[in-house]
Structure formats: structure tokens, C-alpha cells
Amino acid sequence: MSEQTRLVLATRNAHKLTELRRILADEGLAGITVLGLADVPDFPESPESEATFEGNALIKARDAARASGLPAVADDSGLSVDALNGMPGVLSARWCGRHGDDRANLELVLGQLADVPDERRGAAFVCAAALVMPDGTETVVRGEWPGTIVREPRGTNGFGYDPIFVPEGSTRTSAELAPAEKDAQSHRGRALRALLPYLRKLAG
């Protein structure tokens, strides 16, 4: 393909756009220009109605590829807590009943784990990323970032459940990591890197 290969990342989140652009730059993939949803004409977006991260990532990537005529990547991610049978899972952003109330979501999880001993507070951040081509070819990958849930929020970096999640092998919460440290380890970074072989083909 030409060096002008364009790829839509189906998000309006500037942090996600920056992250994917940085990963591609770090890997020497200069042949791909990453666009966000703000860079393509508006289109109706289907509700994220699937029960899995993979299913929701595919919904978003299919919509974007169909509407733009370009290859599209989308991700869906959340927190899976062992003692809550994998919940909040795909409901992570609205666990408290309201979408995007980070503090209420986090406090609800802490409350639900109040009586759970430290050795049983295992959890993982999970991200599924889907690449959908205009010809209908689909690739879905998964990244997991294992760790534990602490009892009190710590740190001011990050968002969502970052202040209560300590990655495996660390003593700091995700919200206490510098942005570059988090990108290098995170579930989203792992999932996006798993797409690199497919994106290399795209870049030609």
C-alpha cells in the first residue's frame, strides 16, 4: 500500500489516539496515519450490547470501517475482579448504575470487596482490540494486565479503577505510575501491540 495508509481508531478519546500513534512510532510504522472519529464524517454508532469485550470491540470497529471505508481499530476494556466472578467486566464504566462516574464505580467495588482478605483480591484489567478491514476481514486480540485490588485509592494519574489496582510485581497503583510506565505495561498497550503484525501488513 502507499505510505498514505489511513486507519480509523473508533474513539473520541485523545489519550487512546496518542497511545496508538506512539506505539506505531516506537515500532517504526511510519506508513500509517491514525484518524479518530472526530476526523471522519459522523455516523450512527451501535450500542455496545455484547456480553464480552471482544464482541463490543467488534461492534465499534465494524461501524467505523463500514462508515469510513477505511480499516478500523476499536477496543473495549474493563476490570475483572476474581472475587466478583469476573465482574464488573463489560459493565466497568457503569457499574454503579451511571455511565462514567469513576469515583462511584470505584467505591462500589471497594465496598463489595470490604470483607475479602488480601490474598483473594486478585484482578486484571482486560482489553480486547478489533481490526476490521473494509473487505470484512476481522482480527480480534486480547491484552490482560494482572494485579490486585487495594483497600484505599492511591495516586492521581490515570482514571477509572487505576487508583485501586496494583499491577503484579509492583507496589504502586496504576494511578501512581507515570504515563509512559503505564503505557508500557497496560492491558490496552498489550492488546494494541498484539495487532502490530496485522498493522505492518497494512502499512505494506
N, C-alpha and C. Protein backbone atom coordinates (compact mmCIF):
# COMPACT_ATOMS: atom_id res chain seq x y z
N MET A 1 0.83 -1.19 0.00
CA MET A 1 0.00 0.00 0.00
C MET A 1 0.88 1.26 0.00
N SER A 2 0.28 2.36 -0.31
CA SER A 2 1.04 3.62 -0.33
C SER A 2 1.38 4.04 1.09
N GLU A 3 2.30 5.02 1.21
CA GLU A 3 2.67 5.47 2.54
C GLU A 3 1.57 6.32 3.17
N GLN A 4 0.48 6.51 2.45
CA GLN A 4 -0.63 7.30 2.98
C GLN A 4 -1.73 6.41 3.57
N THR A 5 -1.42 5.16 3.94
CA THR A 5 -2.42 4.28 4.52
C THR A 5 -3.08 4.94 5.73
N ARG A 6 -4.41 5.05 5.69
CA ARG A 6 -5.14 5.67 6.79
C ARG A 6 -5.90 4.60 7.56
N LEU A 7 -5.91 4.78 8.88
CA LEU A 7 -6.55 3.83 9.79
C LEU A 7 -7.41 4.62 10.75
N VAL A 8 -8.66 4.19 10.95
CA VAL A 8 -9.54 4.87 11.90
C VAL A 8 -9.49 4.13 13.24
N LEU A 9 -9.18 4.86 14.31
CA LEU A 9 -9.34 4.33 15.66
C LEU A 9 -10.70 4.82 16.15
N ALA A 10 -11.62 3.90 16.38
CA ALA A 10 -13.01 4.26 16.66
C ALA A 10 -13.15 4.77 18.09
N THR A 11 -12.67 5.99 18.32
CA THR A 11 -12.75 6.61 19.64
C THR A 11 -12.70 8.13 19.49
N ARG A 12 -13.22 8.81 20.50
CA ARG A 12 -13.03 10.26 20.61
C ARG A 12 -12.09 10.58 21.78
N ASN A 13 -11.49 9.54 22.32
CA ASN A 13 -10.59 9.68 23.47
C ASN A 13 -9.19 10.05 22.97
N ALA A 14 -8.77 11.27 23.28
CA ALA A 14 -7.47 11.76 22.79
C ALA A 14 -6.32 10.92 23.33
N HIS A 15 -6.46 10.42 24.57
CA HIS A 15 -5.41 9.60 25.16
C HIS A 15 -5.20 8.32 24.35
N LYS A 16 -6.30 7.69 23.92
CA LYS A 16 -6.17 6.45 23.14
C LYS A 16 -5.51 6.72 21.79
N LEU A 17 -5.87 7.84 21.17
CA LEU A 17 -5.26 8.19 19.88
C LEU A 17 -3.76 8.41 20.05
N THR A 18 -3.39 9.15 21.08
CA THR A 18 -1.97 9.41 21.34
C THR A 18 -1.21 8.12 21.59
N GLU A 19 -1.84 7.23 22.34
CA GLU A 19 -1.20 5.96 22.69
C GLU A 19 -0.93 5.13 21.44
N LEU A 20 -1.93 4.97 20.56
CA LEU A 20 -1.73 4.16 19.36
C LEU A 20 -0.70 4.82 18.44
N ARG A 21 -0.77 6.12 18.30
CA ARG A 21 0.23 6.81 17.47
C ARG A 21 1.63 6.61 18.01
N ARG A 22 1.77 6.66 19.34
CA ARG A 22 3.09 6.49 19.95
C ARG A 22 3.60 5.06 19.76
N ILE A 23 2.71 4.07 19.92
CA ILE A 23 3.12 2.68 19.72
C ILE A 23 3.60 2.46 18.28
N LEU A 24 2.85 3.01 17.31
CA LEU A 24 3.25 2.85 15.91
C LEU A 24 4.58 3.53 15.64
N ALA A 25 4.78 4.70 16.23
CA ALA A 25 6.05 5.43 16.04
C ALA A 25 7.20 4.65 16.68
N ASP A 26 6.98 4.11 17.89
CA ASP A 26 8.01 3.33 18.57
C ASP A 26 8.42 2.10 17.77
N GLU A 27 7.46 1.55 17.02
CA GLU A 27 7.72 0.34 16.22
C GLU A 27 8.21 0.67 14.81
N GLY A 28 8.38 1.97 14.55
CA GLY A 28 8.88 2.36 13.22
C GLY A 28 7.85 2.24 12.11
N LEU A 29 6.57 2.20 12.48
CA LEU A 29 5.50 2.08 11.48
C LEU A 29 5.06 3.48 11.04
N ALA A 30 5.88 4.08 10.18
CA ALA A 30 5.61 5.46 9.75
C ALA A 30 4.57 5.51 8.63
N GLY A 31 4.20 4.36 8.08
CA GLY A 31 3.33 4.35 6.91
C GLY A 31 1.85 4.41 7.20
N ILE A 32 1.48 4.55 8.48
CA ILE A 32 0.06 4.57 8.85
C ILE A 32 -0.29 5.90 9.52
N THR A 33 -1.35 6.54 9.02
CA THR A 33 -1.88 7.74 9.66
C THR A 33 -3.12 7.34 10.45
N VAL A 34 -3.10 7.60 11.77
CA VAL A 34 -4.22 7.21 12.63
C VAL A 34 -5.20 8.37 12.75
N LEU A 35 -6.44 8.12 12.37
CA LEU A 35 -7.52 9.11 12.50
C LEU A 35 -8.43 8.70 13.66
N GLY A 36 -9.06 9.68 14.29
CA GLY A 36 -10.08 9.39 15.29
C GLY A 36 -11.47 9.62 14.70
N LEU A 37 -12.50 9.37 15.49
CA LEU A 37 -13.87 9.57 14.99
C LEU A 37 -14.13 11.04 14.65
N ALA A 38 -13.42 11.95 15.31
CA ALA A 38 -13.60 13.38 15.01
C ALA A 38 -13.05 13.74 13.63
N ASP A 39 -12.23 12.85 13.06
CA ASP A 39 -11.59 13.12 11.76
C ASP A 39 -12.36 12.54 10.57
N VAL A 40 -13.44 11.84 10.83
CA VAL A 40 -14.26 11.26 9.75
C VAL A 40 -15.69 11.74 9.92
N PRO A 41 -16.49 11.71 8.83
CA PRO A 41 -17.88 12.17 8.95
C PRO A 41 -18.65 11.36 10.01
N ASP A 42 -19.55 12.04 10.71
CA ASP A 42 -20.37 11.38 11.73
C ASP A 42 -21.17 10.23 11.13
N PHE A 43 -21.37 9.20 11.93
CA PHE A 43 -22.21 8.07 11.51
C PHE A 43 -22.91 7.53 12.76
N PRO A 44 -24.06 6.85 12.57
CA PRO A 44 -24.75 6.30 13.75
C PRO A 44 -23.92 5.18 14.39
N GLU A 45 -23.73 5.25 15.69
CA GLU A 45 -22.94 4.26 16.40
C GLU A 45 -23.86 3.28 17.13
N SER A 46 -23.65 2.00 16.88
CA SER A 46 -24.49 0.97 17.51
C SER A 46 -24.21 0.89 19.00
N PRO A 47 -25.21 0.53 19.80
CA PRO A 47 -24.97 0.35 21.23
C PRO A 47 -24.02 -0.82 21.49
N GLU A 48 -23.22 -0.70 22.56
CA GLU A 48 -22.31 -1.78 22.94
C GLU A 48 -23.10 -2.81 23.74
N SER A 49 -23.73 -3.72 23.03
CA SER A 49 -24.72 -4.60 23.64
C SER A 49 -24.21 -6.02 23.87
N GLU A 50 -22.95 -6.29 23.55
CA GLU A 50 -22.43 -7.65 23.70
C GLU A 50 -22.02 -7.94 25.14
N ALA A 51 -21.91 -9.23 25.47
CA ALA A 51 -21.56 -9.64 26.83
C ALA A 51 -20.05 -9.81 27.01
N THR A 52 -19.28 -9.59 25.93
CA THR A 52 -17.82 -9.76 26.01
C THR A 52 -17.12 -8.51 25.50
N PHE A 53 -15.88 -8.30 25.97
CA PHE A 53 -15.06 -7.19 25.46
C PHE A 53 -14.86 -7.34 23.95
N GLU A 54 -14.60 -8.58 23.52
CA GLU A 54 -14.36 -8.83 22.10
C GLU A 54 -15.57 -8.44 21.25
N GLY A 55 -16.76 -8.81 21.73
CA GLY A 55 -17.97 -8.50 20.97
C GLY A 55 -18.20 -7.01 20.84
N ASN A 56 -17.97 -6.26 21.92
CA ASN A 56 -18.17 -4.81 21.88
C ASN A 56 -17.12 -4.11 21.03
N ALA A 57 -15.88 -4.60 21.07
CA ALA A 57 -14.83 -4.02 20.22
C ALA A 57 -15.18 -4.21 18.74
N LEU A 58 -15.71 -5.38 18.41
CA LEU A 58 -16.10 -5.65 17.02
C LEU A 58 -17.25 -4.76 16.56
N ILE A 59 -18.23 -4.52 17.44
CA ILE A 59 -19.35 -3.64 17.09
C ILE A 59 -18.81 -2.27 16.65
N LYS A 60 -17.90 -1.71 17.47
CA LYS A 60 -17.37 -0.37 17.19
C LYS A 60 -16.51 -0.34 15.93
N ALA A 61 -15.66 -1.37 15.77
CA ALA A 61 -14.77 -1.39 14.60
C ALA A 61 -15.55 -1.62 13.31
N ARG A 62 -16.58 -2.48 13.37
CA ARG A 62 -17.39 -2.72 12.16
C ARG A 62 -18.11 -1.45 11.73
N ASP A 63 -18.70 -0.74 12.69
CA ASP A 63 -19.39 0.52 12.37
C ASP A 63 -18.44 1.50 11.69
N ALA A 64 -17.25 1.65 12.26
CA ALA A 64 -16.30 2.64 11.74
C ALA A 64 -15.78 2.25 10.36
N ALA A 65 -15.49 0.96 10.15
CA ALA A 65 -14.99 0.52 8.85
C ALA A 65 -16.07 0.68 7.78
N ARG A 66 -17.31 0.33 8.14
CA ARG A 66 -18.42 0.42 7.18
C ARG A 66 -18.67 1.88 6.79
N ALA A 67 -18.64 2.76 7.78
CA ALA A 67 -18.99 4.17 7.52
C ALA A 67 -17.87 4.92 6.81
N SER A 68 -16.63 4.59 7.13
CA SER A 68 -15.50 5.37 6.60
C SER A 68 -14.89 4.76 5.33
N GLY A 69 -15.12 3.46 5.12
CA GLY A 69 -14.46 2.79 4.00
C GLY A 69 -12.98 2.55 4.25
N LEU A 70 -12.54 2.75 5.50
CA LEU A 70 -11.13 2.58 5.86
C LEU A 70 -10.98 1.43 6.86
N PRO A 71 -9.77 0.86 6.97
CA PRO A 71 -9.54 -0.09 8.05
C PRO A 71 -9.81 0.60 9.39
N ALA A 72 -10.39 -0.14 10.33
CA ALA A 72 -10.75 0.47 11.62
C ALA A 72 -10.33 -0.43 12.78
N VAL A 73 -9.84 0.23 13.84
CA VAL A 73 -9.50 -0.46 15.08
C VAL A 73 -10.41 0.10 16.18
N ALA A 74 -10.88 -0.77 17.06
CA ALA A 74 -11.64 -0.33 18.24
C ALA A 74 -11.26 -1.22 19.41
N ASP A 75 -11.39 -0.67 20.62
CA ASP A 75 -11.12 -1.50 21.79
C ASP A 75 -12.27 -1.39 22.78
N ASP A 76 -12.37 -2.42 23.61
CA ASP A 76 -13.29 -2.36 24.74
C ASP A 76 -12.53 -2.94 25.92
N SER A 77 -12.63 -2.29 27.06
CA SER A 77 -11.81 -2.72 28.18
C SER A 77 -12.53 -2.51 29.49
N GLY A 78 -12.00 -3.15 30.53
CA GLY A 78 -12.60 -3.02 31.84
C GLY A 78 -11.83 -3.81 32.87
N LEU A 79 -12.38 -3.86 34.07
CA LEU A 79 -11.75 -4.53 35.20
C LEU A 79 -12.48 -5.84 35.50
N SER A 80 -11.70 -6.91 35.65
CA SER A 80 -12.25 -8.21 36.01
C SER A 80 -11.72 -8.59 37.39
N VAL A 81 -12.63 -8.72 38.38
CA VAL A 81 -12.23 -9.00 39.76
C VAL A 81 -12.58 -10.45 40.10
N ASP A 82 -11.56 -11.20 40.55
CA ASP A 82 -11.76 -12.63 40.81
C ASP A 82 -12.89 -12.88 41.80
N ALA A 83 -12.90 -12.14 42.91
CA ALA A 83 -13.89 -12.38 43.98
C ALA A 83 -15.30 -11.96 43.57
N LEU A 84 -15.41 -11.22 42.45
CA LEU A 84 -16.73 -10.83 41.93
C LEU A 84 -17.07 -11.62 40.66
N ASN A 85 -16.46 -12.81 40.54
CA ASN A 85 -16.74 -13.68 39.39
C ASN A 85 -16.49 -12.99 38.04
N GLY A 86 -15.42 -12.18 38.01
CA GLY A 86 -15.06 -11.53 36.74
C GLY A 86 -15.73 -10.19 36.50
N MET A 87 -16.63 -9.81 37.38
CA MET A 87 -17.27 -8.50 37.27
C MET A 87 -16.32 -7.43 37.82
N PRO A 88 -16.55 -6.14 37.50
CA PRO A 88 -17.59 -5.55 36.66
C PRO A 88 -17.49 -5.86 35.17
N GLY A 89 -16.33 -6.30 34.68
CA GLY A 89 -16.23 -6.73 33.28
C GLY A 89 -16.69 -5.67 32.29
N VAL A 90 -17.56 -6.08 31.35
CA VAL A 90 -18.02 -5.13 30.33
C VAL A 90 -18.89 -4.02 30.91
N LEU A 91 -19.30 -4.17 32.18
CA LEU A 91 -20.10 -3.14 32.85
C LEU A 91 -19.23 -2.15 33.63
N SER A 92 -17.90 -2.22 33.46
CA SER A 92 -16.98 -1.44 34.29
C SER A 92 -17.29 0.06 34.32
N ALA A 93 -17.63 0.63 33.17
CA ALA A 93 -17.85 2.09 33.10
C ALA A 93 -19.17 2.51 33.73
N ARG A 94 -20.06 1.55 33.97
CA ARG A 94 -21.39 1.90 34.52
C ARG A 94 -21.77 0.96 35.67
N TRP A 95 -20.77 0.49 36.39
CA TRP A 95 -21.01 -0.49 37.47
C TRP A 95 -21.93 0.06 38.54
N CYS A 96 -21.85 1.37 38.81
CA CYS A 96 -22.68 1.98 39.86
C CYS A 96 -24.08 2.30 39.36
N GLY A 97 -24.33 2.06 38.07
CA GLY A 97 -25.64 2.37 37.50
C GLY A 97 -25.67 3.64 36.68
N ARG A 98 -24.60 4.42 36.75
CA ARG A 98 -24.47 5.64 35.93
C ARG A 98 -23.22 5.51 35.10
N HIS A 99 -23.29 5.88 33.83
CA HIS A 99 -22.13 5.72 32.95
C HIS A 99 -21.06 6.76 33.27
N GLY A 100 -19.82 6.28 33.48
CA GLY A 100 -18.69 7.18 33.57
C GLY A 100 -18.48 7.87 34.91
N ASP A 101 -19.18 7.44 35.97
CA ASP A 101 -18.94 8.02 37.30
C ASP A 101 -17.82 7.22 37.96
N ASP A 102 -16.58 7.60 37.65
CA ASP A 102 -15.42 6.82 38.07
C ASP A 102 -15.38 6.60 39.58
N ARG A 103 -15.62 7.67 40.34
CA ARG A 103 -15.50 7.58 41.79
C ARG A 103 -16.54 6.62 42.38
N ALA A 104 -17.78 6.74 41.90
CA ALA A 104 -18.84 5.87 42.43
C ALA A 104 -18.58 4.41 42.05
N ASN A 105 -18.10 4.18 40.83
CA ASN A 105 -17.77 2.81 40.40
C ASN A 105 -16.70 2.20 41.31
N LEU A 106 -15.66 2.98 41.54
CA LEU A 106 -14.52 2.51 42.34
C LEU A 106 -14.96 2.23 43.78
N GLU A 107 -15.77 3.13 44.34
CA GLU A 107 -16.20 2.94 45.73
C GLU A 107 -17.13 1.75 45.87
N LEU A 108 -17.93 1.48 44.83
CA LEU A 108 -18.81 0.31 44.87
C LEU A 108 -17.97 -0.98 44.90
N VAL A 109 -16.94 -1.05 44.05
CA VAL A 109 -16.08 -2.23 44.05
C VAL A 109 -15.39 -2.39 45.40
N LEU A 110 -14.87 -1.30 45.97
CA LEU A 110 -14.22 -1.40 47.29
C LEU A 110 -15.21 -1.89 48.34
N GLY A 111 -16.44 -1.39 48.29
CA GLY A 111 -17.45 -1.83 49.24
C GLY A 111 -17.77 -3.31 49.08
N GLN A 112 -17.85 -3.77 47.83
CA GLN A 112 -18.16 -5.18 47.58
C GLN A 112 -17.03 -6.10 48.03
N LEU A 113 -15.81 -5.56 48.10
CA LEU A 113 -14.64 -6.37 48.49
C LEU A 113 -14.23 -6.14 49.95
N ALA A 114 -15.03 -5.38 50.69
CA ALA A 114 -14.64 -4.98 52.05
C ALA A 114 -14.24 -6.17 52.93
N ASP A 115 -14.97 -7.28 52.81
CA ASP A 115 -14.71 -8.44 53.68
C ASP A 115 -13.79 -9.48 53.02
N VAL A 116 -13.28 -9.18 51.83
CA VAL A 116 -12.44 -10.15 51.11
C VAL A 116 -10.99 -9.98 51.57
N PRO A 117 -10.35 -11.08 52.06
CA PRO A 117 -8.96 -10.96 52.55
C PRO A 117 -7.99 -10.62 51.42
N ASP A 118 -6.84 -10.06 51.82
CA ASP A 118 -5.86 -9.57 50.84
C ASP A 118 -5.47 -10.63 49.81
N GLU A 119 -5.32 -11.88 50.26
CA GLU A 119 -4.83 -12.93 49.35
C GLU A 119 -5.88 -13.34 48.30
N ARG A 120 -7.11 -12.86 48.47
CA ARG A 120 -8.15 -13.22 47.49
C ARG A 120 -8.64 -12.01 46.71
N ARG A 121 -7.82 -10.95 46.61
CA ARG A 121 -8.22 -9.72 45.94
C ARG A 121 -7.60 -9.61 44.55
N GLY A 122 -7.38 -10.74 43.91
CA GLY A 122 -6.81 -10.75 42.56
C GLY A 122 -7.76 -10.13 41.54
N ALA A 123 -7.18 -9.51 40.54
CA ALA A 123 -7.98 -8.86 39.48
C ALA A 123 -7.11 -8.70 38.24
N ALA A 124 -7.73 -8.29 37.16
CA ALA A 124 -6.97 -7.97 35.95
C ALA A 124 -7.73 -6.91 35.17
N PHE A 125 -6.97 -5.97 34.61
CA PHE A 125 -7.53 -5.11 33.58
C PHE A 125 -7.48 -5.91 32.27
N VAL A 126 -8.56 -5.87 31.52
CA VAL A 126 -8.67 -6.62 30.27
C VAL A 126 -9.01 -5.67 29.14
N CYS A 127 -8.37 -5.86 27.99
CA CYS A 127 -8.71 -5.08 26.80
C CYS A 127 -8.78 -5.99 25.59
N ALA A 128 -9.86 -5.91 24.85
CA ALA A 128 -9.95 -6.57 23.54
C ALA A 128 -9.86 -5.49 22.48
N ALA A 129 -9.06 -5.74 21.45
CA ALA A 129 -8.93 -4.80 20.33
C ALA A 129 -9.28 -5.53 19.04
N ALA A 130 -10.09 -4.88 18.23
CA ALA A 130 -10.54 -5.47 16.96
C ALA A 130 -10.05 -4.62 15.80
N LEU A 131 -9.58 -5.28 14.76
CA LEU A 131 -9.22 -4.64 13.49
C LEU A 131 -10.17 -5.17 12.43
N VAL A 132 -10.93 -4.28 11.81
CA VAL A 132 -11.87 -4.67 10.76
C VAL A 132 -11.48 -3.96 9.46
N MET A 133 -11.31 -4.73 8.40
CA MET A 133 -10.93 -4.19 7.10
C MET A 133 -12.19 -3.87 6.29
N PRO A 134 -12.08 -2.96 5.33
CA PRO A 134 -13.25 -2.64 4.50
C PRO A 134 -13.82 -3.86 3.75
N ASP A 135 -12.97 -4.87 3.50
CA ASP A 135 -13.46 -6.08 2.81
C ASP A 135 -14.14 -7.06 3.77
N GLY A 136 -14.22 -6.68 5.07
CA GLY A 136 -14.90 -7.54 6.03
C GLY A 136 -13.99 -8.45 6.84
N THR A 137 -12.69 -8.49 6.52
CA THR A 137 -11.75 -9.30 7.30
C THR A 137 -11.66 -8.76 8.72
N GLU A 138 -11.73 -9.66 9.71
CA GLU A 138 -11.73 -9.24 11.11
C GLU A 138 -10.65 -9.96 11.92
N THR A 139 -9.97 -9.21 12.77
CA THR A 139 -8.97 -9.76 13.68
C THR A 139 -9.26 -9.22 15.07
N VAL A 140 -9.29 -10.10 16.06
CA VAL A 140 -9.54 -9.66 17.44
C VAL A 140 -8.43 -10.23 18.33
N VAL A 141 -7.86 -9.35 19.15
CA VAL A 141 -6.80 -9.77 20.08
C VAL A 141 -7.18 -9.32 21.49
N ARG A 142 -6.43 -9.84 22.48
CA ARG A 142 -6.78 -9.55 23.88
C ARG A 142 -5.50 -9.26 24.65
N GLY A 143 -5.54 -8.26 25.51
CA GLY A 143 -4.43 -7.98 26.41
C GLY A 143 -4.92 -7.99 27.84
N GLU A 144 -4.17 -8.63 28.74
CA GLU A 144 -4.54 -8.67 30.15
C GLU A 144 -3.40 -8.15 31.01
N TRP A 145 -3.75 -7.41 32.06
CA TRP A 145 -2.78 -6.82 32.98
C TRP A 145 -3.16 -7.28 34.38
N PRO A 146 -2.54 -8.36 34.90
CA PRO A 146 -2.95 -8.92 36.19
C PRO A 146 -2.45 -8.09 37.36
N GLY A 147 -3.16 -8.19 38.48
CA GLY A 147 -2.77 -7.46 39.68
C GLY A 147 -3.71 -7.76 40.83
N THR A 148 -3.78 -6.82 41.77
CA THR A 148 -4.66 -6.97 42.93
C THR A 148 -5.36 -5.64 43.22
N ILE A 149 -6.45 -5.74 43.98
CA ILE A 149 -7.20 -4.55 44.39
C ILE A 149 -6.82 -4.19 45.81
N VAL A 150 -6.37 -2.93 46.00
CA VAL A 150 -6.01 -2.47 47.35
C VAL A 150 -7.26 -1.92 48.05
N ARG A 151 -7.11 -1.56 49.31
CA ARG A 151 -8.29 -1.18 50.12
C ARG A 151 -8.60 0.31 50.08
N GLU A 152 -7.63 1.12 49.68
CA GLU A 152 -7.84 2.57 49.63
C GLU A 152 -7.27 3.10 48.32
N PRO A 153 -7.95 4.05 47.66
CA PRO A 153 -7.42 4.63 46.42
C PRO A 153 -6.10 5.36 46.68
N ARG A 154 -5.16 5.23 45.73
CA ARG A 154 -3.87 5.93 45.83
C ARG A 154 -3.46 6.43 44.45
N GLY A 155 -2.98 7.66 44.40
CA GLY A 155 -2.44 8.18 43.14
C GLY A 155 -3.43 9.04 42.39
N THR A 156 -2.89 9.92 41.55
CA THR A 156 -3.74 10.87 40.82
C THR A 156 -3.58 10.78 39.30
N ASN A 157 -2.70 9.89 38.83
CA ASN A 157 -2.60 9.68 37.38
C ASN A 157 -3.68 8.68 36.95
N GLY A 158 -3.97 8.65 35.68
CA GLY A 158 -4.93 7.66 35.20
C GLY A 158 -6.37 8.04 35.51
N PHE A 159 -7.25 7.06 35.40
CA PHE A 159 -8.68 7.30 35.55
C PHE A 159 -9.34 5.98 35.87
N GLY A 160 -10.65 5.98 36.03
CA GLY A 160 -11.37 4.73 36.27
C GLY A 160 -10.90 4.06 37.55
N TYR A 161 -10.55 2.78 37.44
CA TYR A 161 -10.16 1.98 38.60
C TYR A 161 -8.66 2.04 38.88
N ASP A 162 -7.92 2.85 38.14
CA ASP A 162 -6.47 2.92 38.32
C ASP A 162 -6.02 3.11 39.77
N PRO A 163 -6.72 3.98 40.57
CA PRO A 163 -6.23 4.22 41.93
C PRO A 163 -6.33 3.03 42.89
N ILE A 164 -7.07 1.98 42.53
CA ILE A 164 -7.19 0.83 43.45
C ILE A 164 -6.56 -0.44 42.87
N PHE A 165 -5.89 -0.34 41.72
CA PHE A 165 -5.31 -1.51 41.06
C PHE A 165 -3.79 -1.48 41.15
N VAL A 166 -3.20 -2.48 41.80
CA VAL A 166 -1.75 -2.61 41.86
C VAL A 166 -1.32 -3.72 40.90
N PRO A 167 -0.57 -3.40 39.84
CA PRO A 167 -0.15 -4.42 38.88
C PRO A 167 0.77 -5.45 39.55
N GLU A 168 0.70 -6.66 39.04
CA GLU A 168 1.57 -7.74 39.50
C GLU A 168 3.03 -7.29 39.46
N GLY A 169 3.77 -7.55 40.55
CA GLY A 169 5.18 -7.19 40.57
C GLY A 169 5.46 -5.75 40.97
N SER A 170 4.40 -5.00 41.28
CA SER A 170 4.57 -3.60 41.66
C SER A 170 4.02 -3.36 43.06
N THR A 171 4.46 -2.28 43.69
CA THR A 171 3.87 -1.87 44.97
C THR A 171 3.04 -0.61 44.79
N ARG A 172 3.08 -0.03 43.58
CA ARG A 172 2.34 1.20 43.29
C ARG A 172 1.06 0.87 42.52
N THR A 173 0.03 1.69 42.75
CA THR A 173 -1.19 1.52 41.95
C THR A 173 -0.94 2.04 40.54
N SER A 174 -1.83 1.66 39.65
CA SER A 174 -1.75 2.15 38.27
C SER A 174 -1.79 3.68 38.22
N ALA A 175 -2.50 4.28 39.18
CA ALA A 175 -2.61 5.74 39.23
C ALA A 175 -1.36 6.40 39.82
N GLU A 176 -0.43 5.60 40.34
CA GLU A 176 0.83 6.13 40.84
C GLU A 176 1.97 5.96 39.82
N LEU A 177 1.67 5.31 38.69
CA LEU A 177 2.67 5.13 37.64
C LEU A 177 2.70 6.36 36.74
N ALA A 178 3.89 6.67 36.22
CA ALA A 178 3.98 7.72 35.21
C ALA A 178 3.29 7.23 33.94
N PRO A 179 2.73 8.14 33.12
CA PRO A 179 2.02 7.72 31.91
C PRO A 179 2.83 6.77 31.02
N ALA A 180 4.13 7.03 30.85
CA ALA A 180 4.95 6.17 29.99
C ALA A 180 5.09 4.77 30.59
N GLU A 181 5.20 4.69 31.93
CA GLU A 181 5.28 3.38 32.60
C GLU A 181 3.98 2.61 32.38
N LYS A 182 2.87 3.31 32.54
CA LYS A 182 1.57 2.65 32.39
C LYS A 182 1.39 2.15 30.95
N ASP A 183 1.72 3.00 29.96
CA ASP A 183 1.57 2.59 28.56
C ASP A 183 2.37 1.33 28.26
N ALA A 184 3.57 1.24 28.85
CA ALA A 184 4.46 0.11 28.56
C ALA A 184 3.90 -1.20 29.11
N GLN A 185 3.07 -1.12 30.17
CA GLN A 185 2.59 -2.34 30.83
C GLN A 185 1.12 -2.64 30.58
N SER A 186 0.34 -1.63 30.24
CA SER A 186 -1.12 -1.73 30.37
C SER A 186 -1.77 -2.74 29.44
N HIS A 187 -3.00 -3.11 29.82
CA HIS A 187 -3.80 -4.03 29.03
C HIS A 187 -4.03 -3.50 27.62
N ARG A 188 -4.29 -2.17 27.49
CA ARG A 188 -4.54 -1.61 26.16
C ARG A 188 -3.26 -1.63 25.33
N GLY A 189 -2.14 -1.27 25.97
CA GLY A 189 -0.87 -1.33 25.26
C GLY A 189 -0.57 -2.74 24.77
N ARG A 190 -0.85 -3.74 25.62
CA ARG A 190 -0.59 -5.14 25.24
C ARG A 190 -1.48 -5.56 24.07
N ALA A 191 -2.75 -5.16 24.13
CA ALA A 191 -3.66 -5.54 23.04
C ALA A 191 -3.26 -4.85 21.74
N LEU A 192 -2.96 -3.55 21.80
CA LEU A 192 -2.59 -2.83 20.58
C LEU A 192 -1.30 -3.39 19.98
N ARG A 193 -0.35 -3.77 20.85
CA ARG A 193 0.89 -4.36 20.34
C ARG A 193 0.63 -5.72 19.69
N ALA A 194 -0.38 -6.44 20.18
CA ALA A 194 -0.72 -7.73 19.56
C ALA A 194 -1.27 -7.56 18.15
N LEU A 195 -1.75 -6.34 17.84
CA LEU A 195 -2.24 -6.06 16.48
C LEU A 195 -1.12 -5.67 15.52
N LEU A 196 0.10 -5.43 16.05
CA LEU A 196 1.17 -4.89 15.21
C LEU A 196 1.49 -5.72 13.96
N PRO A 197 1.52 -7.07 14.06
CA PRO A 197 1.80 -7.83 12.83
C PRO A 197 0.79 -7.54 11.71
N TYR A 198 -0.47 -7.33 12.08
CA TYR A 198 -1.52 -7.06 11.08
C TYR A 198 -1.38 -5.64 10.55
N LEU A 199 -1.00 -4.72 11.44
CA LEU A 199 -0.84 -3.32 11.01
C LEU A 199 0.39 -3.18 10.13
N ARG A 200 1.43 -4.01 10.37
CA ARG A 200 2.61 -3.98 9.49
C ARG A 200 2.22 -4.36 8.06
N LYS A 201 1.38 -5.40 7.96
CA LYS A 201 0.90 -5.81 6.62
C LYS A 201 0.15 -4.67 5.96
N LEU A 202 -0.66 -3.99 6.77
CA LEU A 202 -1.45 -2.86 6.25
C LEU A 202 -0.54 -1.74 5.72
N ALA A 203 0.56 -1.53 6.45
CA ALA A 203 1.49 -0.47 6.04
C ALA A 203 2.30 -0.87 4.81
N GLY A 204 2.28 -2.18 4.51
CA GLY A 204 2.99 -2.66 3.32
C GLY A 204 4.49 -2.71 3.52
